[in-house]
Amino acid sequence: MSCPVRRECLDWALENREQFGVLGGMTEEERWPLIRVVPQGPGGGMDRCVEARDRILLWRRKGIPLRQIAARLGVDRAVVRKALARFDCEDAQQDAEVAA
């Protein structure tokens, strides 16, 4: 707590939605309530999720919770949930086309 750059470090962690480690004298759990979700435009964040599809799927395979994935992307958890459902449908459709 006596670190001369504690506040700057905390600001950086919050701005960059850093998920791991103690930064600015706060753990991830302590920082989480301070992170504000970025307001969404007309696409509601789905475009951001589609662009990050490979990363999202990798994070899910690693067991990273939806809350953390949403925070990393700056979207709402519900948007990530919808994106995952969309990805599943697209994958099932591709599998059906390959089988046909």
Protein backbone atom coordinates (compact mmCIF):
# COMPACT_ATOMS: atom_id res chain seq x y z
CA MET A 1 0.00 0.00 0.00
CA SER A 2 2.99 2.31 0.27
CA CYS A 3 3.92 1.88 -3.40
CA PRO A 4 4.37 5.31 -5.04
CA VAL A 5 2.58 4.19 -8.25
CA ARG A 6 -0.23 2.22 -6.61
CA ARG A 7 -3.00 4.47 -7.95
CA GLU A 8 -1.59 4.51 -11.49
CA CYS A 9 -1.24 0.73 -11.40
CA LEU A 10 -4.84 0.32 -10.22
CA ASP A 11 -6.09 2.70 -12.92
CA TRP A 12 -4.21 0.72 -15.55
CA ALA A 13 -5.62 -2.60 -14.26
CA LEU A 14 -9.17 -1.25 -14.34
CA GLU A 15 -8.84 0.36 -17.77
CA ASN A 16 -7.37 -2.83 -19.24
CA ARG A 17 -9.72 -5.15 -17.35
CA GLU A 18 -6.75 -7.10 -16.03
CA GLN A 19 -8.07 -10.35 -14.62
CA PHE A 20 -5.11 -11.84 -12.79
CA GLY A 21 -2.77 -10.86 -10.01
CA VAL A 22 -2.58 -8.16 -7.40
CA LEU A 23 -2.38 -4.78 -9.09
CA GLY A 24 -2.77 -1.41 -7.47
CA GLY A 25 -2.96 -3.14 -4.11
CA MET A 26 -6.14 -5.03 -5.06
CA THR A 27 -6.90 -8.62 -6.03
CA GLU A 28 -9.07 -9.54 -9.01
CA GLU A 29 -12.07 -10.03 -6.72
CA GLU A 30 -11.54 -6.60 -5.16
CA ARG A 31 -11.15 -4.92 -8.55
CA TRP A 32 -14.15 -6.57 -10.22
CA PRO A 33 -16.84 -4.30 -8.71
CA LEU A 34 -14.84 -1.26 -9.85
CA ILE A 35 -14.77 -2.28 -13.51
CA ARG A 36 -17.49 -0.58 -15.48
CA VAL A 37 -18.97 -2.38 -18.47
CA VAL A 38 -18.37 -0.41 -21.64
CA PRO A 39 -21.63 0.89 -23.13
CA GLN A 40 -22.65 -1.13 -26.16
CA GLY A 41 -23.49 0.22 -29.58
CA PRO A 42 -26.20 -1.08 -31.91
CA GLY A 43 -24.57 -4.51 -32.19
CA GLY A 44 -24.77 -4.99 -28.42
CA GLY A 45 -21.26 -6.40 -28.32
CA MET A 46 -22.06 -9.41 -30.51
CA ASP A 47 -19.71 -8.11 -33.22
CA ARG A 48 -16.92 -7.98 -30.66
CA CYS A 49 -17.68 -11.56 -29.62
CA VAL A 50 -17.75 -12.80 -33.21
CA GLU A 51 -14.36 -11.18 -33.84
CA ALA A 52 -13.01 -12.85 -30.68
CA ARG A 53 -14.59 -16.25 -31.36
CA ASP A 54 -11.35 -18.26 -31.20
CA ARG A 55 -10.26 -16.54 -27.98
CA ILE A 56 -13.68 -17.04 -26.38
CA LEU A 57 -13.71 -20.74 -27.22
CA LEU A 58 -10.16 -21.13 -25.92
CA TRP A 59 -11.02 -19.34 -22.66
CA ARG A 60 -14.08 -21.58 -22.19
CA ARG A 61 -11.99 -24.72 -22.75
CA LYS A 62 -9.64 -23.40 -20.07
CA GLY A 63 -12.63 -23.03 -17.73
CA ILE A 64 -12.62 -19.25 -17.54
CA PRO A 65 -16.03 -18.05 -16.28
CA LEU A 66 -18.36 -16.05 -18.52
CA ARG A 67 -18.05 -13.08 -16.15
CA GLN A 68 -14.32 -12.87 -16.80
CA ILE A 69 -14.68 -13.39 -20.54
CA ALA A 70 -17.29 -10.63 -20.68
CA ALA A 71 -15.02 -8.30 -18.71
CA ARG A 72 -12.07 -9.00 -21.00
CA LEU A 73 -14.18 -8.13 -24.04
CA GLY A 74 -16.03 -5.23 -22.43
CA VAL A 75 -19.45 -6.76 -23.04
CA ASP A 76 -22.29 -8.06 -20.90
CA ARG A 77 -22.28 -11.70 -19.80
CA ALA A 78 -25.57 -12.29 -21.63
CA VAL A 79 -23.91 -11.28 -24.91
CA VAL A 80 -21.16 -13.85 -24.40
CA ARG A 81 -23.79 -16.48 -23.59
CA LYS A 82 -25.68 -15.66 -26.81
CA ALA A 83 -22.45 -15.71 -28.81
CA LEU A 84 -21.58 -19.17 -27.48
CA ALA A 85 -25.05 -20.43 -28.46
CA ARG A 86 -24.55 -18.92 -31.91
CA PHE A 87 -21.15 -20.59 -32.25
CA ASP A 88 -22.69 -23.95 -31.29
CA CYS A 89 -25.41 -23.56 -33.95
CA GLU A 90 -22.89 -22.58 -36.60
CA ASP A 91 -20.68 -25.56 -35.71
CA ALA A 92 -23.65 -27.95 -35.81
CA GLN A 93 -24.68 -26.56 -39.20
CA GLN A 94 -21.16 -27.04 -40.58
CA ASP A 95 -21.07 -30.61 -39.23
CA ALA A 96 -24.40 -31.34 -40.94
CA GLU A 97 -23.13 -29.93 -44.24
CA VAL A 98 -19.97 -32.02 -44.06
CA ALA A 99 -21.97 -35.17 -43.28
CA ALA A 100 -24.33 -34.58 -46.23
